[in-house]
Amino acid sequence: MNPPSSSDAQFSRSVLRLSGVIVGLAFGLAAGLVLFAATNILVLRGGQDVGAHLSLVSQFFPGYSVTFVGSFVGFTYASVAGFAAGWLTSWIYNRVANFRAS
């Protein structure tokens, strides 16, 4: 194995490593708030068939419905799914950055 060159050492110092928990919390909060807001906007608008398309989310999130109570259920599910997506994204990014640095 070759000794690391100065450009490799500089790369490994300059590449930002992501915290999985922080990125997960950011993704989770964003996903949860988007679903919460979308649900409540449709509930407030009312109408004949409230949220026909958004109600399909219940196929992935059991217990979710386009109601005020359902927005809290959706917030919880979307937050967990968003956290998992954010954590996985940062884990993959850090693996690629470490691979590139070595």
Protein backbone atom coordinates (compact mmCIF):
# COMPACT_ATOMS: atom_id res chain seq x y z
CA MET A 1 0.00 0.00 0.00
CA ASN A 2 1.31 3.43 -0.95
CA PRO A 3 1.87 6.06 1.73
CA PRO A 4 -0.86 8.71 1.68
CA SER A 5 -0.02 11.75 -0.39
CA SER A 6 -0.62 15.27 0.81
CA SER A 7 -3.68 15.61 -1.44
CA ASP A 8 -5.22 12.45 0.10
CA ALA A 9 -4.60 13.76 3.61
CA GLN A 10 -6.09 17.11 2.66
CA PHE A 11 -9.14 15.38 1.17
CA SER A 12 -9.76 13.34 4.30
CA ARG A 13 -9.55 16.48 6.46
CA SER A 14 -11.77 18.57 4.19
CA VAL A 15 -14.65 16.15 3.59
CA LEU A 16 -17.54 16.71 5.94
CA ARG A 17 -18.77 13.66 7.82
CA LEU A 18 -22.49 13.62 8.50
CA SER A 19 -24.06 12.70 11.81
CA GLY A 20 -26.72 10.06 11.17
CA VAL A 21 -28.83 11.15 14.12
CA ILE A 22 -28.84 14.83 13.17
CA VAL A 23 -29.60 14.18 9.49
CA GLY A 24 -32.23 11.63 10.51
CA LEU A 25 -33.92 14.10 12.82
CA ALA A 26 -33.93 16.77 10.12
CA PHE A 27 -35.40 14.42 7.50
CA GLY A 28 -37.89 13.00 9.99
CA LEU A 29 -39.12 16.37 11.18
CA ALA A 30 -39.45 17.64 7.61
CA ALA A 31 -41.36 14.56 6.43
CA GLY A 32 -43.63 14.58 9.47
CA LEU A 33 -44.45 18.27 9.15
CA VAL A 34 -45.17 18.00 5.43
CA LEU A 35 -47.66 15.16 5.93
CA PHE A 36 -49.19 16.88 8.97
CA ALA A 37 -49.64 20.15 7.07
CA ALA A 38 -50.97 18.50 3.91
CA THR A 39 -53.53 16.52 5.89
CA ASN A 40 -54.76 19.49 7.89
CA ILE A 41 -54.96 21.74 4.84
CA LEU A 42 -57.23 19.20 3.16
CA VAL A 43 -59.32 18.78 6.32
CA LEU A 44 -59.80 22.54 6.60
CA ARG A 45 -60.73 22.85 2.92
CA GLY A 46 -63.39 20.20 3.36
CA GLY A 47 -65.58 19.13 0.47
CA GLN A 48 -67.32 16.07 -0.92
CA ASP A 49 -64.34 13.68 -1.06
CA VAL A 50 -61.62 15.05 1.23
CA GLY A 51 -58.13 13.87 0.33
CA ALA A 52 -58.91 11.00 -2.02
CA HIS A 53 -55.30 10.80 -3.18
CA LEU A 54 -53.70 11.49 0.20
CA SER A 55 -55.78 8.75 1.79
CA LEU A 56 -53.72 6.25 -0.23
CA VAL A 57 -50.91 6.88 2.26
CA SER A 58 -52.86 4.61 4.61
CA GLN A 59 -51.68 1.69 2.46
CA PHE A 60 -48.19 2.28 3.88
CA PHE A 61 -49.09 3.82 7.26
CA PRO A 62 -51.81 1.73 8.98
CA GLY A 63 -54.17 3.86 11.03
CA TYR A 64 -53.59 7.00 8.97
CA SER A 65 -56.63 8.81 7.61
CA VAL A 66 -57.30 12.28 6.25
CA THR A 67 -58.66 13.61 9.54
CA PHE A 68 -57.28 15.80 12.29
CA VAL A 69 -56.44 12.77 14.44
CA GLY A 70 -55.01 11.00 11.39
CA SER A 71 -52.60 13.90 10.86
CA PHE A 72 -50.92 13.05 14.18
CA VAL A 73 -50.72 9.38 13.24
CA GLY A 74 -49.25 10.37 9.86
CA PHE A 75 -46.80 12.75 11.53
CA THR A 76 -45.51 9.90 13.68
CA TYR A 77 -45.16 7.44 10.81
CA ALA A 78 -43.60 9.99 8.45
CA SER A 79 -41.15 11.10 11.15
CA VAL A 80 -39.95 7.55 11.70
CA ALA A 81 -39.69 6.87 7.96
CA GLY A 82 -37.90 10.20 7.42
CA PHE A 83 -35.47 9.47 10.25
CA ALA A 84 -34.64 6.10 8.71
CA ALA A 85 -34.13 7.68 5.28
CA GLY A 86 -31.92 10.44 6.69
CA TRP A 87 -29.83 8.05 8.76
CA LEU A 88 -29.36 5.73 5.80
CA THR A 89 -28.42 8.64 3.53
CA SER A 90 -25.73 9.86 5.93
CA TRP A 91 -24.44 6.32 6.50
CA ILE A 92 -24.02 5.77 2.74
CA TYR A 93 -22.42 9.21 2.31
CA ASN A 94 -19.93 8.57 5.11
CA ARG A 95 -19.05 5.14 3.70
CA VAL A 96 -18.36 6.62 0.28
CA ALA A 97 -16.32 9.47 1.80
CA ASN A 98 -14.27 7.03 3.90
CA PHE A 99 -13.72 4.78 0.89
CA ARG A 100 -12.54 7.74 -1.16
CA ALA A 101 -10.22 8.93 1.61
CA SER A 102 -8.50 5.55 2.02
